[in-house]
Amino acid sequence: MPFKEIDDLPIFWEDHEDIAIKLYEKFGDEFGESQIYRIRFTDLLQWILDIPSFEGTKEQSNEGHLEMIQAKWVYEWRDNQ
């Protein structure tokens, strides 16, 4: 039986770093550190829900998850500079 690709594994709200990596892969350097922290939560929420392997729901989201995802996204952006 073949191993599942990492990209195929389901992602949930608690997987802040995995979500941040997916967002960085999608947007690259389009957003810098200060811009990431200014993204509206409504936009961020939609982008997360649009990640193909994301299994969470809009109703499960909360400000804490979105803030952690922003912070992890900044770390991912910094690591790639």
C-alpha atoms as a PDB file:
ATOM      1  CA  MET A   1       0.000   0.000   0.000  1.00  0.00           C
ATOM      2  CA  PRO A   2       1.572   3.344  -1.004  1.00  0.00           C
ATOM      3  CA  PHE A   3       2.217   6.032   1.563  1.00  0.00           C
ATOM      4  CA  LYS A   4      -0.002   9.072   1.408  1.00  0.00           C
ATOM      5  CA  GLU A   5       1.738  12.202   0.287  1.00  0.00           C
ATOM      6  CA  ILE A   6       2.179  14.769   3.052  1.00  0.00           C
ATOM      7  CA  ASP A   7       0.184  17.192   0.888  1.00  0.00           C
ATOM      8  CA  ASP A   8      -2.770  14.779   0.921  1.00  0.00           C
ATOM      9  CA  LEU A   9      -3.023  14.516   4.698  1.00  0.00           C
ATOM     10  CA  PRO A  10      -5.981  16.364   6.192  1.00  0.00           C
ATOM     11  CA  ILE A  11      -5.311  19.674   7.932  1.00  0.00           C
ATOM     12  CA  PHE A  12      -7.428  20.903  10.853  1.00  0.00           C
ATOM     13  CA  TRP A  13      -7.692  24.203  12.770  1.00  0.00           C
ATOM     14  CA  GLU A  14      -5.129  23.081  15.363  1.00  0.00           C
ATOM     15  CA  ASP A  15      -2.512  22.569  12.612  1.00  0.00           C
ATOM     16  CA  HIS A  16      -1.475  26.233  12.622  1.00  0.00           C
ATOM     17  CA  GLU A  17       1.985  25.629  11.175  1.00  0.00           C
ATOM     18  CA  ASP A  18       0.705  23.393   8.372  1.00  0.00           C
ATOM     19  CA  ILE A  19      -1.881  26.013   7.428  1.00  0.00           C
ATOM     20  CA  ALA A  20       0.789  28.731   7.479  1.00  0.00           C
ATOM     21  CA  ILE A  21       3.020  26.670   5.184  1.00  0.00           C
ATOM     22  CA  LYS A  22       0.132  26.197   2.735  1.00  0.00           C
ATOM     23  CA  LEU A  23      -0.567  29.947   2.771  1.00  0.00           C
ATOM     24  CA  TYR A  24       3.097  30.736   2.177  1.00  0.00           C
ATOM     25  CA  GLU A  25       3.201  28.205  -0.673  1.00  0.00           C
ATOM     26  CA  LYS A  26       0.158  29.894  -2.213  1.00  0.00           C
ATOM     27  CA  PHE A  27       1.175  33.533  -1.762  1.00  0.00           C
ATOM     28  CA  GLY A  28       4.981  33.375  -1.484  1.00  0.00           C
ATOM     29  CA  ASP A  29       6.448  36.818  -0.948  1.00  0.00           C
ATOM     30  CA  GLU A  30       3.273  38.599  -2.037  1.00  0.00           C
ATOM     31  CA  PHE A  31       2.765  39.484   1.635  1.00  0.00           C
ATOM     32  CA  GLY A  32       5.601  40.592   3.902  1.00  0.00           C
ATOM     33  CA  GLU A  33       5.586  40.456   7.684  1.00  0.00           C
ATOM     34  CA  SER A  34       3.649  43.680   8.271  1.00  0.00           C
ATOM     35  CA  GLN A  35       1.121  42.862   5.533  1.00  0.00           C
ATOM     36  CA  ILE A  36       0.419  39.396   6.960  1.00  0.00           C
ATOM     37  CA  TYR A  37      -0.598  40.945  10.281  1.00  0.00           C
ATOM     38  CA  ARG A  38      -2.927  43.386   8.473  1.00  0.00           C
ATOM     39  CA  ILE A  39      -4.854  40.754   6.510  1.00  0.00           C
ATOM     40  CA  ARG A  40      -8.546  40.894   7.390  1.00  0.00           C
ATOM     41  CA  PHE A  41      -9.714  37.814   9.246  1.00  0.00           C
ATOM     42  CA  THR A  42     -12.570  37.405   6.763  1.00  0.00           C
ATOM     43  CA  ASP A  43     -10.031  37.071   3.920  1.00  0.00           C
ATOM     44  CA  LEU A  44      -7.720  34.832   5.947  1.00  0.00           C
ATOM     45  CA  LEU A  45     -10.618  32.583   6.897  1.00  0.00           C
ATOM     46  CA  GLN A  46     -11.670  32.148   3.269  1.00  0.00           C
ATOM     47  CA  TRP A  47      -8.102  31.379   2.145  1.00  0.00           C
ATOM     48  CA  ILE A  48      -7.814  28.717   4.838  1.00  0.00           C
ATOM     49  CA  LEU A  49     -11.144  27.167   3.903  1.00  0.00           C
ATOM     50  CA  ASP A  50      -9.952  27.090   0.269  1.00  0.00           C
ATOM     51  CA  ILE A  51      -6.900  24.923   1.086  1.00  0.00           C
ATOM     52  CA  PRO A  52      -7.709  21.608  -0.664  1.00  0.00           C
ATOM     53  CA  SER A  53      -6.637  19.373   2.252  1.00  0.00           C
ATOM     54  CA  PHE A  54      -8.240  21.557   4.949  1.00  0.00           C
ATOM     55  CA  GLU A  55     -10.944  19.647   6.823  1.00  0.00           C
ATOM     56  CA  GLY A  56     -12.107  22.292   9.307  1.00  0.00           C
ATOM     57  CA  THR A  57     -15.262  24.337   9.050  1.00  0.00           C
ATOM     58  CA  LYS A  58     -15.994  28.051   9.248  1.00  0.00           C
ATOM     59  CA  GLU A  59     -17.945  27.434  12.457  1.00  0.00           C
ATOM     60  CA  GLN A  60     -14.881  25.895  14.132  1.00  0.00           C
ATOM     61  CA  SER A  61     -12.737  28.947  13.491  1.00  0.00           C
ATOM     62  CA  ASN A  62     -11.967  31.507  16.162  1.00  0.00           C
ATOM     63  CA  GLU A  63      -9.790  34.558  16.638  1.00  0.00           C
ATOM     64  CA  GLY A  64      -7.151  32.557  18.513  1.00  0.00           C
ATOM     65  CA  HIS A  65      -6.660  30.153  15.612  1.00  0.00           C
ATOM     66  CA  LEU A  66      -6.467  32.987  13.085  1.00  0.00           C
ATOM     67  CA  GLU A  67      -3.934  34.921  15.190  1.00  0.00           C
ATOM     68  CA  MET A  68      -1.749  31.831  15.614  1.00  0.00           C
ATOM     69  CA  ILE A  69      -1.909  31.130  11.883  1.00  0.00           C
ATOM     70  CA  GLN A  70      -0.823  34.708  11.142  1.00  0.00           C
ATOM     71  CA  ALA A  71       2.122  34.370  13.531  1.00  0.00           C
ATOM     72  CA  LYS A  72       3.191  31.025  12.032  1.00  0.00           C
ATOM     73  CA  TRP A  73       2.843  32.490   8.532  1.00  0.00           C
ATOM     74  CA  VAL A  74       5.220  35.301   9.526  1.00  0.00           C
ATOM     75  CA  TYR A  75       7.727  32.726  10.845  1.00  0.00           C
ATOM     76  CA  GLU A  76       7.435  30.799   7.572  1.00  0.00           C
ATOM     77  CA  TRP A  77       7.946  34.005   5.574  1.00  0.00           C
ATOM     78  CA  ARG A  78      11.019  34.902   7.672  1.00  0.00           C
ATOM     79  CA  ASP A  79      12.491  31.414   7.222  1.00  0.00           C
ATOM     80  CA  ASN A  80      12.298  31.867   3.463  1.00  0.00           C
ATOM     81  CA  GLN A  81      13.966  35.285   3.280  1.00  0.00           C
END
